[in-house]
Amino acid sequence: MEIHGTRFGTLKFRPEEVITLADGMLGFPNSKQYLMFPYAEDSSFFWLQSVDEPEIAFIVINPFDFFADLEFLIDDEDSRSIGLEKGEDLEVFTLLTIPEGNPEEMRTNLAGPVVVNASNRRGRQVVVKEYSPRQPLIPLEMRATYRERTEVGRGRRAVRQQMVAVS
């Protein structure tokens, strides 16, 4: 199977790779089937690409990679809706927002995680009132350091590009 989109061009996939969200996502009720793949090699970020509406894609993370003491309680109705029988089959992802020009201010929606049963690829976006829909990913005290490293990295890339252009 394949889909054609503006962001990634043509994506080929097998039906068993599709994650089905029967109720869609909040604000995107018509997108019920998704593919998930890494944002980049060795990245903690992933793309959640709609199969139904190829122009829709979200950047998501496994929030446990960033928040060690995080706990989500999934109620019985949500567990039943995705056919979850064993806790080890549960995968949790949260949507990420990266403000243009200010990546150090990226935040994730801990109040609306997407829970997926890894054994049957059925999922659902749930509401968790105890958490923020705009949780910063980079602590305030680390943002200046992040910005400095990013700017230094951009400078190095620009110097390398200039060297290649001169060569």
Protein backbone atom coordinates (compact mmCIF):
# COMPACT_ATOMS: atom_id res chain seq x y z
CA MET A 1 0.00 0.00 0.00
CA GLU A 2 1.08 3.61 -0.37
CA ILE A 3 0.01 7.17 0.31
CA HIS A 4 1.06 10.35 -1.44
CA GLY A 5 1.61 13.48 0.61
CA THR A 6 3.27 16.85 0.33
CA ARG A 7 5.66 16.45 3.28
CA PHE A 8 7.15 13.00 2.60
CA GLY A 9 6.16 12.27 -0.99
CA THR A 10 5.14 8.65 -1.49
CA LEU A 11 5.20 6.40 1.57
CA LYS A 12 4.95 2.67 1.07
CA PHE A 13 3.66 0.57 3.96
CA ARG A 14 2.11 -2.74 4.89
CA PRO A 15 -1.44 -2.86 6.33
CA GLU A 16 -0.13 -4.31 9.61
CA GLU A 17 1.94 -1.14 10.17
CA VAL A 18 -1.18 1.04 10.41
CA ILE A 19 -2.26 2.35 13.82
CA THR A 20 -6.05 2.73 13.93
CA LEU A 21 -7.62 5.42 16.11
CA ALA A 22 -11.33 4.60 15.76
CA ASP A 23 -12.39 7.98 17.15
CA GLY A 24 -9.68 9.95 15.35
CA MET A 25 -7.75 12.64 17.20
CA LEU A 26 -9.14 15.72 18.91
CA GLY A 27 -9.76 18.20 16.12
CA PHE A 28 -9.06 15.59 13.41
CA PRO A 29 -12.02 13.18 13.51
CA ASN A 30 -11.61 12.06 9.88
CA SER A 31 -8.01 10.88 10.33
CA LYS A 32 -8.38 7.42 11.81
CA GLN A 33 -5.43 5.55 10.34
CA TYR A 34 -1.80 6.53 10.97
CA LEU A 35 1.74 5.44 10.30
CA MET A 36 4.51 6.10 12.80
CA PHE A 37 8.17 6.37 11.85
CA PRO A 38 11.30 8.00 13.29
CA TYR A 39 11.80 11.72 12.75
CA ALA A 40 15.50 11.04 12.12
CA GLU A 41 18.01 8.29 12.79
CA ASP A 42 18.65 7.86 16.55
CA SER A 43 15.92 10.39 17.39
CA SER A 44 13.49 10.40 20.31
CA PHE A 45 10.99 12.10 18.00
CA PHE A 46 8.60 10.35 15.63
CA TRP A 47 6.21 11.32 12.86
CA LEU A 48 2.58 10.26 13.24
CA GLN A 49 1.39 10.48 9.63
CA SER A 50 -2.29 10.30 8.74
CA VAL A 51 -3.06 7.72 6.05
CA ASP A 52 -6.58 9.11 5.55
CA GLU A 53 -5.45 12.73 5.12
CA PRO A 54 -1.80 12.71 3.94
CA GLU A 55 -1.43 16.45 4.52
CA ILE A 56 -1.77 15.82 8.29
CA ALA A 57 1.28 14.73 10.28
CA PHE A 58 2.26 15.26 13.90
CA ILE A 59 5.58 15.08 15.69
CA VAL A 60 5.22 12.82 18.74
CA ILE A 61 7.42 11.53 21.53
CA ASN A 62 7.36 8.77 24.09
CA PRO A 63 6.91 11.03 27.13
CA PHE A 64 8.64 8.53 29.43
CA ASP A 65 11.90 9.29 27.59
CA PHE A 66 11.66 12.86 28.92
CA PHE A 67 9.72 12.62 32.18
CA ALA A 68 10.97 9.73 34.32
CA ASP A 69 8.36 10.08 37.09
CA LEU A 70 5.36 10.31 34.76
CA GLU A 71 2.39 8.03 35.41
CA PHE A 72 -0.70 7.62 33.23
CA LEU A 73 -3.71 5.73 34.50
CA ILE A 74 -5.80 4.41 31.63
CA ASP A 75 -9.41 3.79 32.61
CA ASP A 76 -11.24 0.54 31.87
CA GLU A 77 -13.31 2.01 29.04
CA ASP A 78 -10.19 3.23 27.21
CA SER A 79 -8.46 -0.12 27.78
CA ARG A 80 -11.47 -2.00 26.39
CA SER A 81 -11.76 0.31 23.38
CA ILE A 82 -8.23 -0.61 22.24
CA GLY A 83 -8.46 -4.26 23.30
CA LEU A 84 -5.73 -3.90 25.94
CA GLU A 85 -5.31 -7.01 28.08
CA LYS A 86 -1.67 -6.72 29.19
CA GLY A 87 -0.02 -3.55 30.47
CA GLU A 88 3.21 -4.37 28.64
CA ASP A 89 1.36 -3.98 25.31
CA LEU A 90 0.59 -0.32 26.04
CA GLU A 91 2.54 2.38 24.21
CA VAL A 92 2.02 6.06 25.00
CA PHE A 93 2.84 9.00 22.76
CA THR A 94 2.27 12.73 23.16
CA LEU A 95 2.03 15.39 20.48
CA LEU A 96 4.82 17.93 20.30
CA THR A 97 4.65 21.62 19.40
CA ILE A 98 7.87 23.29 18.25
CA PRO A 99 7.49 27.07 17.92
CA GLU A 100 9.13 28.30 14.71
CA GLY A 101 12.44 29.98 15.45
CA ASN A 102 12.31 28.97 19.13
CA PRO A 103 12.84 25.20 19.33
CA GLU A 104 14.03 25.53 22.94
CA GLU A 105 10.40 26.39 23.81
CA MET A 106 9.02 23.09 22.48
CA ARG A 107 6.27 21.58 24.56
CA THR A 108 4.22 18.43 24.63
CA ASN A 109 0.58 17.69 25.35
CA LEU A 110 0.63 15.45 28.40
CA ALA A 111 -3.11 16.04 28.89
CA GLY A 112 -3.98 14.36 25.58
CA PRO A 113 -1.73 11.33 25.08
CA VAL A 114 -2.29 8.81 22.34
CA VAL A 115 -2.36 5.30 23.80
CA VAL A 116 -1.73 2.35 21.50
CA ASN A 117 -2.11 -1.38 22.01
CA ALA A 118 1.09 -2.64 20.37
CA SER A 119 -0.32 -6.15 19.87
CA ASN A 120 -3.27 -5.11 17.67
CA ARG A 121 -2.23 -1.53 16.61
CA ARG A 122 -5.49 -0.03 17.94
CA GLY A 123 -5.22 3.28 19.74
CA ARG A 124 -7.07 6.20 21.18
CA GLN A 125 -6.35 9.74 22.26
CA VAL A 126 -7.34 10.06 25.91
CA VAL A 127 -7.74 13.00 28.27
CA VAL A 128 -5.60 13.11 31.41
CA LYS A 129 -6.71 16.09 33.50
CA GLU A 130 -3.78 15.88 35.93
CA TYR A 131 -1.26 17.01 33.32
CA SER A 132 -0.66 20.09 31.21
CA PRO A 133 -1.50 20.29 27.51
CA ARG A 134 1.54 22.62 27.16
CA GLN A 135 4.27 20.91 29.19
CA PRO A 136 7.72 22.35 28.33
CA LEU A 137 10.11 19.69 27.12
CA ILE A 138 13.26 21.65 27.94
CA PRO A 139 13.37 23.07 31.48
CA LEU A 140 13.56 26.86 31.66
CA GLU A 141 17.02 26.82 33.24
CA MET A 142 18.40 24.78 30.30
CA ARG A 143 16.90 26.80 27.41
CA ALA A 144 19.76 29.31 27.15
CA THR A 145 22.28 26.45 26.93
CA TYR A 146 20.15 24.72 24.29
CA ARG A 147 19.91 27.92 22.21
CA GLU A 148 23.69 28.49 22.43
CA ARG A 149 24.43 24.94 21.28
CA THR A 150 21.94 25.24 18.45
CA GLU A 151 23.46 28.53 17.28
CA VAL A 152 27.00 27.12 17.48
CA GLY A 153 25.86 24.08 15.49
CA ARG A 154 24.30 26.34 12.83
CA GLY A 155 27.55 28.32 12.63
CA ARG A 156 29.60 25.15 12.12
CA ARG A 157 27.23 23.95 9.40
CA ALA A 158 27.46 27.33 7.66
CA VAL A 159 31.30 27.23 7.79
CA ARG A 160 31.32 23.66 6.42
CA GLN A 161 28.91 24.68 3.64
CA GLN A 162 31.15 27.64 2.77
CA MET A 163 34.21 25.35 2.72
CA VAL A 164 32.44 22.91 0.41
CA ALA A 165 31.31 25.78 -1.86
CA VAL A 166 34.90 27.07 -2.10
CA SER A 167 36.43 23.63 -2.76
